[in-house]
Amino acid sequence: REFLSYGASYLRIDSDINPSQTFEGYSRYVRSFGRDLVRLNLRERYTLHDNGDDRTESSYTNTLNLTGEYLRPVTNWATMRLIGDYLMVRGRSPSDEVTASVELNAQFGRTELSLFSELAWKFLPQNTNRSTAIRLQISRSF
């Protein structure tokens, strides 16, 4: 099974505080391989900001986001999800972000367990930041 969608939008904000125009395009692709599932999302947003009282000065922000996701049942009671994400921002505050994460969800009767781990890098003009996150969540229904 395969699914593809795409679209575009335009938004204009006419305001005395922060007038802007935003153009956005996106595409989403989903494909299943038996019990496995692959998702790809691509989104680009370009915003033109009008600065100053006379509106002759302007700046822009261009954002590109690409996300890939792979879901796979590990057993009858557990599912694994791998996610890769790239975010590029140009214009006012340029940066690049790369994120890799893995999630394991399991259900044992009325008990649900979720283990999530993420590693992220943010590249700025002056420095690079790295962060890691691990989350374990256990819930039980009665």
N, C-alpha and C. Protein backbone atom coordinates (compact mmCIF):
# COMPACT_ATOMS: atom_id res chain seq x y z
N ARG A 1 0.83 -1.18 0.00
CA ARG A 1 0.00 0.00 0.00
C ARG A 1 0.88 1.25 0.00
N GLU A 2 0.48 2.23 -0.79
CA GLU A 2 1.28 3.43 -0.97
C GLU A 2 0.37 4.66 -0.93
N PHE A 3 0.88 5.76 -0.39
CA PHE A 3 0.09 6.97 -0.25
C PHE A 3 1.01 8.17 -0.45
N LEU A 4 0.58 9.13 -1.27
CA LEU A 4 1.35 10.35 -1.51
C LEU A 4 0.40 11.54 -1.45
N SER A 5 0.80 12.56 -0.71
CA SER A 5 0.02 13.80 -0.70
C SER A 5 0.98 14.98 -0.75
N TYR A 6 0.50 16.08 -1.25
CA TYR A 6 1.31 17.29 -1.33
C TYR A 6 0.37 18.49 -1.36
N GLY A 7 0.92 19.63 -1.06
CA GLY A 7 0.09 20.83 -1.07
C GLY A 7 0.92 22.07 -0.86
N ALA A 8 0.25 23.20 -0.90
CA ALA A 8 0.90 24.49 -0.73
C ALA A 8 -0.08 25.44 -0.07
N SER A 9 0.47 26.45 0.59
CA SER A 9 -0.39 27.45 1.21
C SER A 9 0.29 28.82 1.18
N TYR A 10 -0.52 29.84 1.34
CA TYR A 10 -0.04 31.22 1.41
C TYR A 10 -0.76 31.91 2.56
N LEU A 11 0.00 32.64 3.37
CA LEU A 11 -0.58 33.37 4.50
C LEU A 11 -0.01 34.78 4.50
N ARG A 12 -0.90 35.75 4.58
CA ARG A 12 -0.47 37.15 4.67
C ARG A 12 -1.02 37.73 5.95
N ILE A 13 -0.13 38.31 6.77
CA ILE A 13 -0.55 38.96 8.00
C ILE A 13 -0.28 40.45 7.84
N ASP A 14 -1.34 41.22 7.78
CA ASP A 14 -1.23 42.67 7.64
C ASP A 14 -1.48 43.27 9.01
N SER A 15 -0.39 43.62 9.68
CA SER A 15 -0.46 44.08 11.05
C SER A 15 0.52 45.21 11.27
N ASP A 16 0.23 46.06 12.24
CA ASP A 16 1.17 47.13 12.58
C ASP A 16 2.34 46.60 13.39
N ILE A 17 2.19 45.47 14.03
CA ILE A 17 3.22 44.92 14.90
C ILE A 17 4.24 44.08 14.14
N ASN A 18 3.77 43.08 13.39
CA ASN A 18 4.69 42.18 12.70
C ASN A 18 4.08 41.69 11.39
N PRO A 19 4.01 42.55 10.38
CA PRO A 19 3.43 42.11 9.11
C PRO A 19 4.36 41.12 8.40
N SER A 20 3.75 40.13 7.74
CA SER A 20 4.57 39.12 7.05
C SER A 20 3.75 38.43 5.97
N GLN A 21 4.48 37.73 5.11
CA GLN A 21 3.89 36.86 4.10
C GLN A 21 4.60 35.52 4.19
N THR A 22 3.83 34.44 4.18
CA THR A 22 4.41 33.10 4.30
C THR A 22 3.93 32.23 3.15
N PHE A 23 4.88 31.57 2.50
CA PHE A 23 4.60 30.59 1.45
C PHE A 23 5.07 29.24 1.99
N GLU A 24 4.25 28.21 1.83
CA GLU A 24 4.61 26.91 2.37
C GLU A 24 4.23 25.81 1.39
N GLY A 25 5.11 24.83 1.26
CA GLY A 25 4.83 23.65 0.45
C GLY A 25 5.20 22.42 1.24
N TYR A 26 4.45 21.33 1.04
CA TYR A 26 4.74 20.10 1.76
C TYR A 26 4.45 18.89 0.88
N SER A 27 5.08 17.80 1.26
CA SER A 27 4.84 16.52 0.60
C SER A 27 4.96 15.42 1.65
N ARG A 28 4.09 14.44 1.58
CA ARG A 28 4.10 13.32 2.51
C ARG A 28 3.97 12.02 1.71
N TYR A 29 4.84 11.07 2.03
CA TYR A 29 4.83 9.78 1.36
C TYR A 29 4.78 8.69 2.43
N VAL A 30 3.88 7.73 2.25
CA VAL A 30 3.73 6.61 3.19
C VAL A 30 3.67 5.33 2.37
N ARG A 31 4.42 4.34 2.82
CA ARG A 31 4.39 3.04 2.14
C ARG A 31 4.51 1.93 3.16
N SER A 32 3.69 0.92 2.98
CA SER A 32 3.78 -0.23 3.87
C SER A 32 4.38 -1.41 3.11
N PHE A 33 5.21 -2.15 3.83
CA PHE A 33 5.85 -3.36 3.32
C PHE A 33 5.44 -4.48 4.26
N GLY A 34 4.35 -5.15 3.94
CA GLY A 34 3.85 -6.16 4.88
C GLY A 34 3.39 -5.47 6.15
N ARG A 35 4.04 -5.79 7.28
CA ARG A 35 3.70 -5.17 8.56
C ARG A 35 4.57 -3.95 8.85
N ASP A 36 5.59 -3.69 8.04
CA ASP A 36 6.47 -2.54 8.22
C ASP A 36 5.87 -1.31 7.54
N LEU A 37 6.24 -0.13 8.05
CA LEU A 37 5.70 1.12 7.51
C LEU A 37 6.82 2.15 7.40
N VAL A 38 6.87 2.86 6.26
CA VAL A 38 7.85 3.92 6.05
C VAL A 38 7.09 5.22 5.77
N ARG A 39 7.50 6.29 6.46
CA ARG A 39 6.91 7.61 6.23
C ARG A 39 8.01 8.61 5.94
N LEU A 40 7.80 9.45 4.92
CA LEU A 40 8.72 10.54 4.59
C LEU A 40 7.91 11.82 4.50
N ASN A 41 8.35 12.85 5.20
CA ASN A 41 7.69 14.15 5.17
C ASN A 41 8.70 15.22 4.78
N LEU A 42 8.31 16.08 3.87
CA LEU A 42 9.14 17.20 3.44
C LEU A 42 8.28 18.46 3.50
N ARG A 43 8.79 19.50 4.18
CA ARG A 43 8.04 20.74 4.31
C ARG A 43 9.02 21.91 4.17
N GLU A 44 8.65 22.89 3.36
CA GLU A 44 9.46 24.10 3.24
C GLU A 44 8.56 25.30 3.44
N ARG A 45 9.05 26.23 4.27
CA ARG A 45 8.30 27.44 4.58
C ARG A 45 9.21 28.66 4.38
N TYR A 46 8.73 29.62 3.60
CA TYR A 46 9.47 30.86 3.37
C TYR A 46 8.61 32.01 3.88
N THR A 47 9.15 32.77 4.83
CA THR A 47 8.42 33.90 5.41
C THR A 47 9.20 35.18 5.17
N LEU A 48 8.52 36.16 4.62
CA LEU A 48 9.10 37.48 4.39
C LEU A 48 8.53 38.41 5.46
N HIS A 49 9.42 38.94 6.33
CA HIS A 49 9.03 39.82 7.43
C HIS A 49 9.26 41.27 6.99
N ASP A 50 8.26 42.12 7.15
CA ASP A 50 8.41 43.56 6.90
C ASP A 50 8.84 44.21 8.20
N ASN A 51 10.00 44.85 8.20
CA ASN A 51 10.54 45.51 9.39
C ASN A 51 10.50 47.01 9.21
N GLY A 52 10.48 47.74 10.29
CA GLY A 52 10.54 49.20 10.23
C GLY A 52 9.18 49.82 9.99
N ASP A 53 9.08 51.10 10.32
CA ASP A 53 7.81 51.80 10.17
C ASP A 53 7.45 52.07 8.72
N ASP A 54 8.47 52.31 7.89
CA ASP A 54 8.18 52.61 6.49
C ASP A 54 8.10 51.34 5.64
N ARG A 55 8.36 50.21 6.24
CA ARG A 55 8.27 48.89 5.58
C ARG A 55 9.19 48.76 4.37
N THR A 56 10.26 49.55 4.35
CA THR A 56 11.23 49.39 3.27
C THR A 56 12.28 48.35 3.63
N GLU A 57 12.46 48.12 4.94
CA GLU A 57 13.40 47.09 5.38
C GLU A 57 12.65 45.78 5.51
N SER A 58 13.28 44.71 5.11
CA SER A 58 12.64 43.41 5.28
C SER A 58 13.70 42.35 5.54
N SER A 59 13.26 41.26 6.13
CA SER A 59 14.13 40.10 6.33
C SER A 59 13.30 38.86 6.03
N TYR A 60 13.96 37.73 6.00
CA TYR A 60 13.24 36.51 5.65
C TYR A 60 13.68 35.37 6.57
N THR A 61 12.86 34.35 6.62
CA THR A 61 13.18 33.08 7.27
C THR A 61 12.78 31.98 6.31
N ASN A 62 13.72 31.10 5.98
CA ASN A 62 13.44 29.96 5.11
C ASN A 62 13.70 28.70 5.93
N THR A 63 12.69 27.87 6.08
CA THR A 63 12.78 26.66 6.89
C THR A 63 12.49 25.44 6.02
N LEU A 64 13.41 24.47 6.06
CA LEU A 64 13.24 23.21 5.35
C LEU A 64 13.30 22.09 6.37
N ASN A 65 12.30 21.22 6.37
CA ASN A 65 12.25 20.11 7.33
C ASN A 65 12.01 18.81 6.59
N LEU A 66 12.88 17.83 6.83
CA LEU A 66 12.76 16.50 6.24
C LEU A 66 12.75 15.48 7.37
N THR A 67 11.73 14.64 7.41
CA THR A 67 11.60 13.63 8.45
C THR A 67 11.36 12.27 7.81
N GLY A 68 12.10 11.28 8.28
CA GLY A 68 11.92 9.90 7.85
C GLY A 68 11.58 9.05 9.07
N GLU A 69 10.64 8.12 8.89
CA GLU A 69 10.19 7.30 10.00
C GLU A 69 9.99 5.86 9.52
N TYR A 70 10.43 4.92 10.35
CA TYR A 70 10.27 3.50 10.03
C TYR A 70 9.65 2.80 11.24
N LEU A 71 8.52 2.16 11.03
CA LEU A 71 7.83 1.43 12.09
C LEU A 71 7.85 -0.05 11.77
N ARG A 72 8.13 -0.85 12.80
CA ARG A 72 8.20 -2.29 12.60
C ARG A 72 7.74 -3.02 13.86
N PRO A 73 6.80 -3.94 13.72
CA PRO A 73 6.46 -4.78 14.86
C PRO A 73 7.63 -5.72 15.18
N VAL A 74 8.04 -5.73 16.44
CA VAL A 74 9.14 -6.59 16.86
C VAL A 74 8.59 -7.96 17.27
N THR A 75 7.50 -7.95 17.99
CA THR A 75 6.77 -9.16 18.37
C THR A 75 5.28 -8.84 18.27
N ASN A 76 4.44 -9.75 18.72
CA ASN A 76 3.00 -9.48 18.73
C ASN A 76 2.64 -8.41 19.76
N TRP A 77 3.51 -8.17 20.72
CA TRP A 77 3.19 -7.23 21.80
C TRP A 77 4.13 -6.01 21.84
N ALA A 78 5.05 -5.85 20.87
CA ALA A 78 5.99 -4.73 20.89
C ALA A 78 6.21 -4.18 19.49
N THR A 79 6.39 -2.86 19.42
CA THR A 79 6.63 -2.16 18.16
C THR A 79 7.83 -1.23 18.33
N MET A 80 8.67 -1.18 17.28
CA MET A 80 9.82 -0.30 17.27
C MET A 80 9.61 0.80 16.23
N ARG A 81 10.06 2.02 16.56
CA ARG A 81 9.97 3.13 15.62
C ARG A 81 11.32 3.84 15.58
N LEU A 82 11.87 4.01 14.37
CA LEU A 82 13.11 4.75 14.16
C LEU A 82 12.76 6.05 13.43
N ILE A 83 13.35 7.16 13.90
CA ILE A 83 13.02 8.46 13.32
C ILE A 83 14.30 9.24 13.06
N GLY A 84 14.40 9.81 11.87
CA GLY A 84 15.49 10.72 11.52
C GLY A 84 14.89 12.03 11.09
N ASP A 85 15.46 13.14 11.54
CA ASP A 85 14.89 14.44 11.24
C ASP A 85 16.01 15.44 10.94
N TYR A 86 15.80 16.24 9.90
CA TYR A 86 16.74 17.31 9.54
C TYR A 86 15.94 18.61 9.42
N LEU A 87 16.39 19.66 10.11
CA LEU A 87 15.75 20.96 10.05
C LEU A 87 16.80 22.01 9.70
N MET A 88 16.57 22.72 8.60
CA MET A 88 17.47 23.78 8.16
C MET A 88 16.72 25.10 8.22
N VAL A 89 17.31 26.07 8.92
CA VAL A 89 16.71 27.41 9.02
C VAL A 89 17.72 28.41 8.48
N ARG A 90 17.30 29.24 7.57
CA ARG A 90 18.13 30.30 7.01
C ARG A 90 17.40 31.62 7.14
N GLY A 91 18.17 32.70 7.19
CA GLY A 91 17.56 34.02 7.31
C GLY A 91 17.92 34.67 8.62
N ARG A 92 16.92 35.05 9.39
CA ARG A 92 17.11 35.79 10.65
C ARG A 92 18.06 35.09 11.61
N SER A 93 17.83 33.83 11.91
CA SER A 93 18.66 33.08 12.87
C SER A 93 19.01 31.73 12.25
N PRO A 94 20.07 31.68 11.43
CA PRO A 94 20.39 30.43 10.73
C PRO A 94 20.84 29.32 11.68
N SER A 95 20.40 28.11 11.38
CA SER A 95 20.82 26.94 12.15
C SER A 95 20.49 25.68 11.35
N ASP A 96 21.11 24.59 11.76
CA ASP A 96 20.82 23.26 11.23
C ASP A 96 20.65 22.34 12.41
N GLU A 97 19.65 21.46 12.35
CA GLU A 97 19.42 20.50 13.42
C GLU A 97 19.28 19.11 12.81
N VAL A 98 19.96 18.15 13.43
CA VAL A 98 19.85 16.74 13.03
C VAL A 98 19.46 15.95 14.27
N THR A 99 18.43 15.13 14.13
CA THR A 99 17.94 14.35 15.26
C THR A 99 17.75 12.90 14.83
N ALA A 100 18.20 11.99 15.68
CA ALA A 100 17.98 10.55 15.48
C ALA A 100 17.36 10.00 16.75
N SER A 101 16.29 9.25 16.60
CA SER A 101 15.63 8.70 17.79
C SER A 101 15.09 7.31 17.52
N VAL A 102 14.91 6.59 18.60
CA VAL A 102 14.34 5.25 18.55
C VAL A 102 13.33 5.13 19.68
N GLU A 103 12.22 4.46 19.39
CA GLU A 103 11.17 4.29 20.39
C GLU A 103 10.71 2.84 20.36
N LEU A 104 10.52 2.28 21.53
CA LEU A 104 10.03 0.91 21.68
C LEU A 104 8.78 0.97 22.54
N ASN A 105 7.68 0.47 21.99
CA ASN A 105 6.41 0.43 22.72
C ASN A 105 5.99 -1.02 22.88
N ALA A 106 5.60 -1.37 24.10
CA ALA A 106 5.19 -2.74 24.38
C ALA A 106 3.95 -2.73 25.26
N GLN A 107 3.14 -3.77 25.11
CA GLN A 107 1.94 -3.91 25.92
C GLN A 107 1.88 -5.32 26.47
N PHE A 108 1.76 -5.41 27.80
CA PHE A 108 1.64 -6.68 28.49
C PHE A 108 0.33 -6.66 29.26
N GLY A 109 -0.70 -7.22 28.66
CA GLY A 109 -2.01 -7.16 29.30
C GLY A 109 -2.48 -5.73 29.41
N ARG A 110 -2.67 -5.26 30.66
CA ARG A 110 -3.12 -3.89 30.89
C ARG A 110 -1.97 -2.92 31.15
N THR A 111 -0.76 -3.40 31.06
CA THR A 111 0.41 -2.56 31.30
C THR A 111 1.07 -2.18 29.99
N GLU A 112 1.35 -0.88 29.83
CA GLU A 112 2.02 -0.37 28.64
C GLU A 112 3.37 0.21 29.02
N LEU A 113 4.36 -0.08 28.21
CA LEU A 113 5.72 0.40 28.44
C LEU A 113 6.18 1.13 27.19
N SER A 114 6.80 2.29 27.38
CA SER A 114 7.34 3.06 26.26
C SER A 114 8.75 3.51 26.63
N LEU A 115 9.72 3.16 25.79
CA LEU A 115 11.10 3.56 25.99
C LEU A 115 11.51 4.39 24.77
N PHE A 116 11.96 5.61 25.03
CA PHE A 116 12.29 6.55 23.96
C PHE A 116 13.70 7.08 24.19
N SER A 117 14.51 7.12 23.13
CA SER A 117 15.87 7.65 23.21
C SER A 117 16.10 8.55 22.01
N GLU A 118 16.76 9.70 22.26
CA GLU A 118 16.97 10.67 21.19
C GLU A 118 18.35 11.30 21.32
N LEU A 119 18.99 11.49 20.19
CA LEU A 119 20.27 12.18 20.11
C LEU A 119 20.10 13.30 19.09
N ALA A 120 20.43 14.54 19.49
CA ALA A 120 20.20 15.69 18.62
C ALA A 120 21.43 16.59 18.59
N TRP A 121 21.69 17.14 17.42
CA TRP A 121 22.77 18.11 17.21
C TRP A 121 22.15 19.38 16.64
N LYS A 122 22.58 20.52 17.17
CA LYS A 122 22.15 21.81 16.62
C LYS A 122 23.41 22.58 16.25
N PHE A 123 23.49 22.94 14.97
CA PHE A 123 24.65 23.64 14.44
C PHE A 123 24.29 25.11 14.25
N LEU A 124 24.96 25.98 14.99
CA LEU A 124 24.76 27.42 14.89
C LEU A 124 26.01 28.04 14.28
N PRO A 125 25.95 29.27 13.80
CA PRO A 125 27.15 29.87 13.21
C PRO A 125 28.35 29.92 14.17
N GLN A 126 28.11 30.11 15.47
CA GLN A 126 29.22 30.23 16.41
C GLN A 126 29.58 28.93 17.12
N ASN A 127 28.64 28.01 17.26
CA ASN A 127 28.92 26.78 18.01
C ASN A 127 28.00 25.65 17.60
N THR A 128 28.26 24.49 18.21
CA THR A 128 27.45 23.30 17.99
C THR A 128 27.00 22.76 19.35
N ASN A 129 25.73 22.42 19.44
CA ASN A 129 25.19 21.84 20.67
C ASN A 129 24.76 20.41 20.40
N ARG A 130 24.94 19.55 21.41
CA ARG A 130 24.48 18.17 21.32
C ARG A 130 23.66 17.87 22.55
N SER A 131 22.57 17.15 22.37
CA SER A 131 21.75 16.78 23.52
C SER A 131 21.28 15.34 23.35
N THR A 132 21.08 14.68 24.48
CA THR A 132 20.53 13.33 24.50
C THR A 132 19.35 13.30 25.46
N ALA A 133 18.40 12.46 25.14
CA ALA A 133 17.23 12.33 26.01
C ALA A 133 16.83 10.86 26.05
N ILE A 134 16.47 10.41 27.22
CA ILE A 134 15.95 9.05 27.41
C ILE A 134 14.71 9.17 28.28
N ARG A 135 13.63 8.54 27.85
CA ARG A 135 12.38 8.58 28.61
C ARG A 135 11.81 7.18 28.72
N LEU A 136 11.46 6.79 29.91
CA LEU A 136 10.79 5.52 30.16
C LEU A 136 9.45 5.82 30.78
N GLN A 137 8.41 5.31 30.17
CA GLN A 137 7.06 5.55 30.69
C GLN A 137 6.34 4.23 30.85
N ILE A 138 5.80 4.01 32.03
CA ILE A 138 5.04 2.79 32.32
C ILE A 138 3.67 3.21 32.80
N SER A 139 2.64 2.64 32.18
CA SER A 139 1.27 2.96 32.61
C SER A 139 0.45 1.68 32.68
N ARG A 140 -0.52 1.70 33.57
CA ARG A 140 -1.38 0.54 33.76
C ARG A 140 -2.82 1.01 33.85
N SER A 141 -3.71 0.32 33.15
CA SER A 141 -5.13 0.62 33.22
C SER A 141 -5.80 -0.36 34.17
N PHE A 142 -6.78 0.15 34.86
CA PHE A 142 -7.54 -0.70 35.82
C PHE A 142 -8.98 -0.79 35.43
